PDB file of all heavy atoms in Angstrom:
ATOM      1  N   SER A   1       1.112   6.140   4.998  1.00  0.00           N
ATOM      2  CA  SER A   1       1.768   6.522   3.751  1.00  0.00           C
ATOM      3  C   SER A   1       2.467   5.290   3.191  1.00  0.00           C
ATOM      4  O   SER A   1       2.655   4.285   3.895  1.00  0.00           O
ATOM      5  CB  SER A   1       2.791   7.629   4.007  1.00  0.00           C
ATOM      6  OG  SER A   1       3.861   7.134   4.801  1.00  0.00           O
ATOM      7  N   GLU A   2       2.874   5.359   1.925  1.00  0.00           N
ATOM      8  CA  GLU A   2       3.644   4.256   1.347  1.00  0.00           C
ATOM      9  C   GLU A   2       4.936   4.041   2.126  1.00  0.00           C
ATOM     10  O   GLU A   2       5.349   2.898   2.350  1.00  0.00           O
ATOM     11  CB  GLU A   2       3.965   4.543  -0.120  1.00  0.00           C
ATOM     12  CG  GLU A   2       2.795   4.343  -1.053  1.00  0.00           C
ATOM     13  CD  GLU A   2       3.180   4.535  -2.517  1.00  0.00           C
ATOM     14  OE1 GLU A   2       4.354   4.859  -2.787  1.00  0.00           O
ATOM     15  OE2 GLU A   2       2.308   4.348  -3.382  1.00  0.00           O
ATOM     16  N   ALA A   3       5.547   5.127   2.555  1.00  0.00           N
ATOM     17  CA  ALA A   3       6.798   5.017   3.301  1.00  0.00           C
ATOM     18  C   ALA A   3       6.581   4.309   4.635  1.00  0.00           C
ATOM     19  O   ALA A   3       7.405   3.487   5.062  1.00  0.00           O
ATOM     20  CB  ALA A   3       7.394   6.403   3.530  1.00  0.00           C
ATOM     21  N   GLU A   4       5.465   4.611   5.297  1.00  0.00           N
ATOM     22  CA  GLU A   4       5.174   3.953   6.582  1.00  0.00           C
ATOM     23  C   GLU A   4       4.956   2.469   6.392  1.00  0.00           C
ATOM     24  O   GLU A   4       5.456   1.649   7.173  1.00  0.00           O
ATOM     25  CB  GLU A   4       3.948   4.605   7.223  1.00  0.00           C
ATOM     26  CG  GLU A   4       4.203   5.981   7.803  1.00  0.00           C
ATOM     27  CD  GLU A   4       2.940   6.642   8.299  1.00  0.00           C
ATOM     28  OE1 GLU A   4       1.899   6.553   7.616  1.00  0.00           O
ATOM     29  OE2 GLU A   4       2.985   7.254   9.384  1.00  0.00           O
ATOM     30  N   PHE A   5       4.194   2.101   5.380  1.00  0.00           N
ATOM     31  CA  PHE A   5       4.015   0.683   5.080  1.00  0.00           C
ATOM     32  C   PHE A   5       5.355   0.034   4.763  1.00  0.00           C
ATOM     33  O   PHE A   5       5.638  -1.092   5.178  1.00  0.00           O
ATOM     34  CB  PHE A   5       3.054   0.487   3.905  1.00  0.00           C
ATOM     35  CG  PHE A   5       1.609   0.401   4.287  1.00  0.00           C
ATOM     36  CD1 PHE A   5       0.638   0.985   3.487  1.00  0.00           C
ATOM     37  CD2 PHE A   5       1.204  -0.288   5.417  1.00  0.00           C
ATOM     38  CE1 PHE A   5      -0.710   0.904   3.820  1.00  0.00           C
ATOM     39  CE2 PHE A   5      -0.143  -0.383   5.764  1.00  0.00           C
ATOM     40  CZ  PHE A   5      -1.094   0.217   4.953  1.00  0.00           C
ATOM     41  N   GLY A   6       6.178   0.741   4.007  1.00  0.00           N
ATOM     42  CA  GLY A   6       7.488   0.213   3.644  1.00  0.00           C
ATOM     43  C   GLY A   6       8.349  -0.068   4.853  1.00  0.00           C
ATOM     44  O   GLY A   6       9.006  -1.113   4.939  1.00  0.00           O
ATOM     45  N   ARG A   7       8.353   0.862   5.805  1.00  0.00           N
ATOM     46  CA  ARG A   7       9.133   0.652   7.034  1.00  0.00           C
ATOM     47  C   ARG A   7       8.554  -0.485   7.873  1.00  0.00           C
ATOM     48  O   ARG A   7       9.296  -1.301   8.435  1.00  0.00           O
ATOM     49  CB  ARG A   7       9.171   1.944   7.857  1.00  0.00           C
ATOM     50  CG  ARG A   7      10.057   3.034   7.257  1.00  0.00           C
ATOM     51  CD  ARG A   7      10.309   4.143   8.252  1.00  0.00           C
ATOM     52  NE  ARG A   7       9.080   4.847   8.613  1.00  0.00           N
ATOM     53  CZ  ARG A   7       8.593   5.894   7.960  1.00  0.00           C
ATOM     54  NH1 ARG A   7       9.240   6.364   6.893  1.00  0.00           N
ATOM     55  NH2 ARG A   7       7.487   6.494   8.358  1.00  0.00           N
ATOM     56  N   LEU A   8       7.225  -0.533   7.939  1.00  0.00           N
ATOM     57  CA  LEU A   8       6.563  -1.534   8.774  1.00  0.00           C
ATOM     58  C   LEU A   8       6.784  -2.946   8.244  1.00  0.00           C
ATOM     59  O   LEU A   8       6.946  -3.893   9.022  1.00  0.00           O
ATOM     60  CB  LEU A   8       5.061  -1.224   8.854  1.00  0.00           C
ATOM     61  CG  LEU A   8       4.223  -2.010   9.851  1.00  0.00           C
ATOM     62  CD1 LEU A   8       4.727  -1.799  11.272  1.00  0.00           C
ATOM     63  CD2 LEU A   8       2.763  -1.597   9.749  1.00  0.00           C
ATOM     64  N   TYR A   9       6.809  -3.090   6.921  1.00  0.00           N
ATOM     65  CA  TYR A   9       6.908  -4.420   6.312  1.00  0.00           C
ATOM     66  C   TYR A   9       8.220  -4.639   5.563  1.00  0.00           C
ATOM     67  O   TYR A   9       8.362  -5.641   4.855  1.00  0.00           O
ATOM     68  CB  TYR A   9       5.712  -4.647   5.385  1.00  0.00           C
ATOM     69  CG  TYR A   9       4.408  -4.736   6.148  1.00  0.00           C
ATOM     70  CD1 TYR A   9       3.606  -3.604   6.308  1.00  0.00           C
ATOM     71  CD2 TYR A   9       4.001  -5.923   6.742  1.00  0.00           C
ATOM     72  CE1 TYR A   9       2.418  -3.665   7.028  1.00  0.00           C
ATOM     73  CE2 TYR A   9       2.831  -6.003   7.460  1.00  0.00           C
ATOM     74  CZ  TYR A   9       2.042  -4.871   7.607  1.00  0.00           C
ATOM     75  OH  TYR A   9       0.870  -4.931   8.326  1.00  0.00           O
ATOM     76  N   THR A  10       9.153  -3.734   5.749  1.00  0.00           N
ATOM     77  CA  THR A  10      10.474  -3.834   5.101  1.00  0.00           C
ATOM     78  C   THR A  10      10.316  -4.098   3.612  1.00  0.00           C
ATOM     79  O   THR A  10      10.771  -5.110   3.065  1.00  0.00           O
ATOM     80  CB  THR A  10      11.321  -4.958   5.758  1.00  0.00           C
ATOM     81  OG1 THR A  10      11.183  -4.905   7.173  1.00  0.00           O
ATOM     82  CG2 THR A  10      12.778  -4.797   5.400  1.00  0.00           C
ATOM     83  N   ALA A  11       9.646  -3.185   2.949  1.00  0.00           N
ATOM     84  CA  ALA A  11       9.378  -3.332   1.517  1.00  0.00           C
ATOM     85  C   ALA A  11       9.546  -1.988   0.824  1.00  0.00           C
ATOM     86  O   ALA A  11       9.372  -0.937   1.438  1.00  0.00           O
ATOM     87  CB  ALA A  11       7.969  -3.867   1.296  1.00  0.00           C
ATOM     88  N   SER A  12       9.870  -2.034  -0.455  1.00  0.00           N
ATOM     89  CA  SER A  12       9.998  -0.803  -1.239  1.00  0.00           C
ATOM     90  C   SER A  12       8.617  -0.336  -1.689  1.00  0.00           C
ATOM     91  O   SER A  12       7.621  -1.054  -1.561  1.00  0.00           O
ATOM     92  CB  SER A  12      10.899  -1.031  -2.451  1.00  0.00           C
ATOM     93  OG  SER A  12      10.349  -2.013  -3.301  1.00  0.00           O
ATOM     94  N   ARG A  13       8.572   0.856  -2.260  1.00  0.00           N
ATOM     95  CA  ARG A  13       7.286   1.466  -2.583  1.00  0.00           C
ATOM     96  C   ARG A  13       6.518   0.743  -3.687  1.00  0.00           C
ATOM     97  O   ARG A  13       5.287   0.673  -3.635  1.00  0.00           O
ATOM     98  CB  ARG A  13       7.492   2.930  -2.975  1.00  0.00           C
ATOM     99  CG  ARG A  13       7.916   3.804  -1.811  1.00  0.00           C
ATOM    100  CD  ARG A  13       7.787   5.270  -2.124  1.00  0.00           C
ATOM    101  NE  ARG A  13       8.015   6.078  -0.931  1.00  0.00           N
ATOM    102  CZ  ARG A  13       7.752   7.372  -0.848  1.00  0.00           C
ATOM    103  NH1 ARG A  13       7.252   8.006  -1.909  1.00  0.00           N
ATOM    104  NH2 ARG A  13       7.982   8.043   0.260  1.00  0.00           N
ATOM    105  N   THR A  14       7.221   0.184  -4.654  1.00  0.00           N
ATOM    106  CA  THR A  14       6.515  -0.468  -5.765  1.00  0.00           C
ATOM    107  C   THR A  14       5.704  -1.683  -5.311  1.00  0.00           C
ATOM    108  O   THR A  14       4.506  -1.784  -5.620  1.00  0.00           O
ATOM    109  CB  THR A  14       7.495  -0.861  -6.881  1.00  0.00           C
ATOM    110  OG1 THR A  14       8.130   0.324  -7.382  1.00  0.00           O
ATOM    111  CG2 THR A  14       6.771  -1.558  -8.013  1.00  0.00           C
ATOM    112  N   PRO A  15       6.277  -2.642  -4.560  1.00  0.00           N
ATOM    113  CA  PRO A  15       5.441  -3.748  -4.068  1.00  0.00           C
ATOM    114  C   PRO A  15       4.369  -3.298  -3.084  1.00  0.00           C
ATOM    115  O   PRO A  15       3.275  -3.870  -3.047  1.00  0.00           O
ATOM    116  CB  PRO A  15       6.443  -4.700  -3.407  1.00  0.00           C
ATOM    117  CG  PRO A  15       7.681  -3.915  -3.199  1.00  0.00           C
ATOM    118  CD  PRO A  15       7.704  -2.874  -4.267  1.00  0.00           C
ATOM    119  N   VAL A  16       4.648  -2.266  -2.266  1.00  0.00           N
ATOM    120  CA  VAL A  16       3.622  -1.736  -1.362  1.00  0.00           C
ATOM    121  C   VAL A  16       2.443  -1.222  -2.177  1.00  0.00           C
ATOM    122  O   VAL A  16       1.278  -1.497  -1.863  1.00  0.00           O
ATOM    123  CB  VAL A  16       4.197  -0.612  -0.475  1.00  0.00           C
ATOM    124  CG1 VAL A  16       3.065   0.194   0.177  1.00  0.00           C
ATOM    125  CG2 VAL A  16       5.105  -1.191   0.599  1.00  0.00           C
ATOM    126  N   ARG A  17       2.747  -0.484  -3.237  1.00  0.00           N
ATOM    127  CA  ARG A  17       1.693   0.089  -4.081  1.00  0.00           C
ATOM    128  C   ARG A  17       0.842  -1.011  -4.718  1.00  0.00           C
ATOM    129  O   ARG A  17      -0.388  -0.918  -4.760  1.00  0.00           O
ATOM    130  CB  ARG A  17       2.322   0.975  -5.145  1.00  0.00           C
ATOM    131  CG  ARG A  17       1.347   1.867  -5.897  1.00  0.00           C
ATOM    132  CD  ARG A  17       2.086   2.798  -6.852  1.00  0.00           C
ATOM    133  NE  ARG A  17       3.004   3.657  -6.108  1.00  0.00           N
ATOM    134  CZ  ARG A  17       4.297   3.762  -6.377  1.00  0.00           C
ATOM    135  NH1 ARG A  17       4.833   3.041  -7.346  1.00  0.00           N
ATOM    136  NH2 ARG A  17       5.070   4.574  -5.676  1.00  0.00           N
ATOM    137  N   GLU A  18       1.488  -2.060  -5.212  1.00  0.00           N
ATOM    138  CA  GLU A  18       0.756  -3.146  -5.860  1.00  0.00           C
ATOM    139  C   GLU A  18      -0.087  -3.930  -4.853  1.00  0.00           C
ATOM    140  O   GLU A  18      -1.244  -4.275  -5.129  1.00  0.00           O
ATOM    141  CB  GLU A  18       1.735  -4.087  -6.563  1.00  0.00           C
ATOM    142  CG  GLU A  18       1.100  -5.313  -7.200  1.00  0.00           C
ATOM    143  CD  GLU A  18       0.066  -4.986  -8.266  1.00  0.00           C
ATOM    144  OE1 GLU A  18       0.118  -3.873  -8.832  1.00  0.00           O
ATOM    145  OE2 GLU A  18      -0.791  -5.850  -8.528  1.00  0.00           O
ATOM    146  N   ALA A  19       0.470  -4.210  -3.679  1.00  0.00           N
ATOM    147  CA  ALA A  19      -0.283  -4.932  -2.649  1.00  0.00           C
ATOM    148  C   ALA A  19      -1.501  -4.126  -2.219  1.00  0.00           C
ATOM    149  O   ALA A  19      -2.602  -4.674  -2.038  1.00  0.00           O
ATOM    150  CB  ALA A  19       0.611  -5.232  -1.451  1.00  0.00           C
ATOM    151  N   CYS A  20      -1.325  -2.827  -2.055  1.00  0.00           N
ATOM    152  CA  CYS A  20      -2.433  -1.970  -1.627  1.00  0.00           C
ATOM    153  C   CYS A  20      -3.499  -1.854  -2.706  1.00  0.00           C
ATOM    154  O   CYS A  20      -4.699  -1.759  -2.399  1.00  0.00           O
ATOM    155  CB  CYS A  20      -1.915  -0.589  -1.238  1.00  0.00           C
ATOM    156  SG  CYS A  20      -1.017  -0.571   0.328  1.00  0.00           S
ATOM    157  N   ARG A  21      -3.071  -1.872  -3.965  1.00  0.00           N
ATOM    158  CA  ARG A  21      -4.037  -1.843  -5.062  1.00  0.00           C
ATOM    159  C   ARG A  21      -4.930  -3.073  -5.015  1.00  0.00           C
ATOM    160  O   ARG A  21      -6.159  -2.980  -5.180  1.00  0.00           O
ATOM    161  CB  ARG A  21      -3.311  -1.779  -6.400  1.00  0.00           C
ATOM    162  CG  ARG A  21      -4.246  -1.624  -7.607  1.00  0.00           C
ATOM    163  CD  ARG A  21      -3.505  -1.863  -8.903  1.00  0.00           C
ATOM    164  NE  ARG A  21      -3.017  -3.235  -9.009  1.00  0.00           N
ATOM    165  CZ  ARG A  21      -3.800  -4.276  -9.338  1.00  0.00           C
ATOM    166  NH1 ARG A  21      -5.089  -4.092  -9.569  1.00  0.00           N
ATOM    167  NH2 ARG A  21      -3.273  -5.478  -9.426  1.00  0.00           N
ATOM    168  N   ARG A  22      -4.352  -4.232  -4.746  1.00  0.00           N
ATOM    169  CA  ARG A  22      -5.138  -5.468  -4.640  1.00  0.00           C
ATOM    170  C   ARG A  22      -6.067  -5.438  -3.442  1.00  0.00           C
ATOM    171  O   ARG A  22      -7.218  -5.870  -3.514  1.00  0.00           O
ATOM    172  CB  ARG A  22      -4.187  -6.678  -4.565  1.00  0.00           C
ATOM    173  CG  ARG A  22      -3.432  -6.914  -5.861  1.00  0.00           C
ATOM    174  CD  ARG A  22      -2.323  -7.935  -5.716  1.00  0.00           C
ATOM    175  NE  ARG A  22      -2.808  -9.250  -5.351  1.00  0.00           N
ATOM    176  CZ  ARG A  22      -2.024 -10.330  -5.227  1.00  0.00           C
ATOM    177  NH1 ARG A  22      -0.709 -10.207  -5.459  1.00  0.00           N
ATOM    178  NH2 ARG A  22      -2.523 -11.492  -4.908  1.00  0.00           N
ATOM    179  N   LEU A  23      -5.582  -4.889  -2.342  1.00  0.00           N
ATOM    180  CA  LEU A  23      -6.406  -4.822  -1.136  1.00  0.00           C
ATOM    181  C   LEU A  23      -7.523  -3.801  -1.277  1.00  0.00           C
ATOM    182  O   LEU A  23      -8.590  -3.971  -0.686  1.00  0.00           O
ATOM    183  CB  LEU A  23      -5.520  -4.494   0.068  1.00  0.00           C
ATOM    184  CG  LEU A  23      -4.559  -5.618   0.461  1.00  0.00           C
ATOM    185  CD1 LEU A  23      -3.469  -5.098   1.389  1.00  0.00           C
ATOM    186  CD2 LEU A  23      -5.318  -6.761   1.125  1.00  0.00           C
ATOM    187  N   GLU A  24      -7.299  -2.768  -2.060  1.00  0.00           N
ATOM    188  CA  GLU A  24      -8.384  -1.820  -2.336  1.00  0.00           C
ATOM    189  C   GLU A  24      -9.497  -2.522  -3.106  1.00  0.00           C
ATOM    190  O   GLU A  24     -10.687  -2.317  -2.828  1.00  0.00           O
ATOM    191  CB  GLU A  24      -7.869  -0.630  -3.135  1.00  0.00           C
ATOM    192  CG  GLU A  24      -8.966   0.403  -3.395  1.00  0.00           C
ATOM    193  CD  GLU A  24      -8.674   1.322  -4.570  1.00  0.00           C
ATOM    194  OE1 GLU A  24      -7.901   0.922  -5.452  1.00  0.00           O
ATOM    195  OE2 GLU A  24      -9.243   2.428  -4.603  1.00  0.00           O
ATOM    196  N   HIS A  25      -9.123  -3.342  -4.074  1.00  0.00           N
ATOM    197  CA  HIS A  25     -10.102  -4.092  -4.866  1.00  0.00           C
ATOM    198  C   HIS A  25     -10.945  -4.996  -3.967  1.00  0.00           C
ATOM    199  O   HIS A  25     -12.121  -5.235  -4.256  1.00  0.00           O
ATOM    200  CB  HIS A  25      -9.375  -4.917  -5.922  1.00  0.00           C
ATOM    201  CG  HIS A  25     -10.292  -5.716  -6.797  1.00  0.00           C
ATOM    202  ND1 HIS A  25     -11.115  -5.150  -7.755  1.00  0.00           N
ATOM    203  CD2 HIS A  25     -10.536  -7.063  -6.852  1.00  0.00           C
ATOM    204  CE1 HIS A  25     -11.811  -6.087  -8.348  1.00  0.00           C
ATOM    205  NE2 HIS A  25     -11.477  -7.256  -7.830  1.00  0.00           N
ATOM    206  N   GLU A  26     -10.374  -5.477  -2.880  1.00  0.00           N
ATOM    207  CA  GLU A  26     -11.088  -6.359  -1.960  1.00  0.00           C
ATOM    208  C   GLU A  26     -11.867  -5.586  -0.897  1.00  0.00           C
ATOM    209  O   GLU A  26     -12.524  -6.187  -0.058  1.00  0.00           O
ATOM    210  CB  GLU A  26     -10.099  -7.315  -1.284  1.00  0.00           C
ATOM    211  CG  GLU A  26      -9.441  -8.277  -2.251  1.00  0.00           C
ATOM    212  CD  GLU A  26      -8.454  -9.203  -1.560  1.00  0.00           C
ATOM    213  OE1 GLU A  26      -8.452  -9.266  -0.307  1.00  0.00           O
ATOM    214  OE2 GLU A  26      -7.672  -9.863  -2.260  1.00  0.00           O
ATOM    215  N   GLY A  27     -11.766  -4.268  -0.917  1.00  0.00           N
ATOM    216  CA  GLY A  27     -12.503  -3.459   0.047  1.00  0.00           C
ATOM    217  C   GLY A  27     -11.852  -3.365   1.408  1.00  0.00           C
ATOM    218  O   GLY A  27     -12.507  -2.983   2.386  1.00  0.00           O
ATOM    219  N   LEU A  28     -10.551  -3.672   1.498  1.00  0.00           N
ATOM    220  CA  LEU A  28      -9.865  -3.665   2.786  1.00  0.00           C
ATOM    221  C   LEU A  28      -9.007  -2.417   2.995  1.00  0.00           C
ATOM    222  O   LEU A  28      -8.640  -2.098   4.131  1.00  0.00           O
ATOM    223  CB  LEU A  28      -8.991  -4.918   2.925  1.00  0.00           C
ATOM    224  CG  LEU A  28      -9.758  -6.246   2.908  1.00  0.00           C
ATOM    225  CD1 LEU A  28      -8.783  -7.417   2.950  1.00  0.00           C
ATOM    226  CD2 LEU A  28     -10.741  -6.336   4.070  1.00  0.00           C
ATOM    227  N   ILE A  29      -8.686  -1.740   1.920  1.00  0.00           N
ATOM    228  CA  ILE A  29      -7.893  -0.511   1.991  1.00  0.00           C
ATOM    229  C   ILE A  29      -8.545   0.536   1.089  1.00  0.00           C
ATOM    230  O   ILE A  29      -9.134   0.200   0.062  1.00  0.00           O
ATOM    231  CB  ILE A  29      -6.431  -0.770   1.539  1.00  0.00           C
ATOM    232  CG1 ILE A  29      -5.575  -1.208   2.738  1.00  0.00           C
ATOM    233  CG2 ILE A  29      -5.805   0.454   0.888  1.00  0.00           C
ATOM    234  CD1 ILE A  29      -4.123  -1.444   2.399  1.00  0.00           C
ATOM    235  N   ARG A  30      -8.460   1.784   1.512  1.00  0.00           N
ATOM    236  CA  ARG A  30      -8.906   2.893   0.668  1.00  0.00           C
ATOM    237  C   ARG A  30      -7.690   3.717   0.268  1.00  0.00           C
ATOM    238  O   ARG A  30      -6.846   4.021   1.113  1.00  0.00           O
ATOM    239  CB  ARG A  30      -9.916   3.776   1.413  1.00  0.00           C
ATOM    240  CG  ARG A  30     -11.223   3.057   1.722  1.00  0.00           C
ATOM    241  CD  ARG A  30     -12.206   3.972   2.420  1.00  0.00           C
ATOM    242  NE  ARG A  30     -13.432   3.266   2.767  1.00  0.00           N
ATOM    243  CZ  ARG A  30     -14.429   3.812   3.455  1.00  0.00           C
ATOM    244  NH1 ARG A  30     -14.340   5.082   3.870  1.00  0.00           N
ATOM    245  NH2 ARG A  30     -15.516   3.108   3.735  1.00  0.00           N
ATOM    246  N   ILE A  31      -7.613   4.042  -1.007  1.00  0.00           N
ATOM    247  CA  ILE A  31      -6.517   4.874  -1.492  1.00  0.00           C
ATOM    248  C   ILE A  31      -6.929   6.341  -1.379  1.00  0.00           C
ATOM    249  O   ILE A  31      -8.005   6.733  -1.826  1.00  0.00           O
ATOM    250  CB  ILE A  31      -6.169   4.526  -2.947  1.00  0.00           C
ATOM    251  CG1 ILE A  31      -5.638   3.085  -3.029  1.00  0.00           C
ATOM    252  CG2 ILE A  31      -5.142   5.504  -3.506  1.00  0.00           C
ATOM    253  CD1 ILE A  31      -5.329   2.617  -4.441  1.00  0.00           C
ATOM    254  N   ILE A  32      -6.077   7.125  -0.739  1.00  0.00           N
ATOM    255  CA  ILE A  32      -6.322   8.559  -0.578  1.00  0.00           C
ATOM    256  C   ILE A  32      -5.381   9.285  -1.540  1.00  0.00           C
ATOM    257  O   ILE A  32      -4.166   9.313  -1.305  1.00  0.00           O
ATOM    258  CB  ILE A  32      -6.057   9.014   0.864  1.00  0.00           C
ATOM    259  CG1 ILE A  32      -6.841   8.134   1.850  1.00  0.00           C
ATOM    260  CG2 ILE A  32      -6.429  10.477   1.047  1.00  0.00           C
ATOM    261  CD1 ILE A  32      -6.490   8.384   3.305  1.00  0.00           C
ATOM    262  N   PRO A  33      -5.903   9.845  -2.623  1.00  0.00           N
ATOM    263  CA  PRO A  33      -5.035  10.473  -3.628  1.00  0.00           C
ATOM    264  C   PRO A  33      -4.083  11.507  -3.025  1.00  0.00           C
ATOM    265  O   PRO A  33      -4.491  12.338  -2.206  1.00  0.00           O
ATOM    266  CB  PRO A  33      -6.037  11.139  -4.586  1.00  0.00           C
ATOM    267  CG  PRO A  33      -7.282  10.313  -4.439  1.00  0.00           C
ATOM    268  CD  PRO A  33      -7.316   9.911  -2.996  1.00  0.00           C
ATOM    269  N   PHE A  34      -2.809  11.385  -3.399  1.00  0.00           N
ATOM    270  CA  PHE A  34      -1.743  12.314  -3.004  1.00  0.00           C
ATOM    271  C   PHE A  34      -1.414  12.253  -1.498  1.00  0.00           C
ATOM    272  O   PHE A  34      -0.615  13.038  -1.015  1.00  0.00           O
ATOM    273  CB  PHE A  34      -2.090  13.764  -3.381  1.00  0.00           C
ATOM    274  CG  PHE A  34      -2.511  13.917  -4.811  1.00  0.00           C
ATOM    275  CD1 PHE A  34      -3.824  14.228  -5.129  1.00  0.00           C
ATOM    276  CD2 PHE A  34      -1.601  13.717  -5.843  1.00  0.00           C
ATOM    277  CE1 PHE A  34      -4.218  14.358  -6.454  1.00  0.00           C
ATOM    278  CE2 PHE A  34      -1.992  13.846  -7.175  1.00  0.00           C
ATOM    279  CZ  PHE A  34      -3.306  14.171  -7.478  1.00  0.00           C
TER     280      PHE A  34
END
């Protein structure tokens, strides 16, 4: 979840969301709606 990533990397949800969006574009992460 965004919260899990946030805890793991000490980051808020907005930068987590943006980083994951970039990684999805590279084929390294899949976004699961909701």
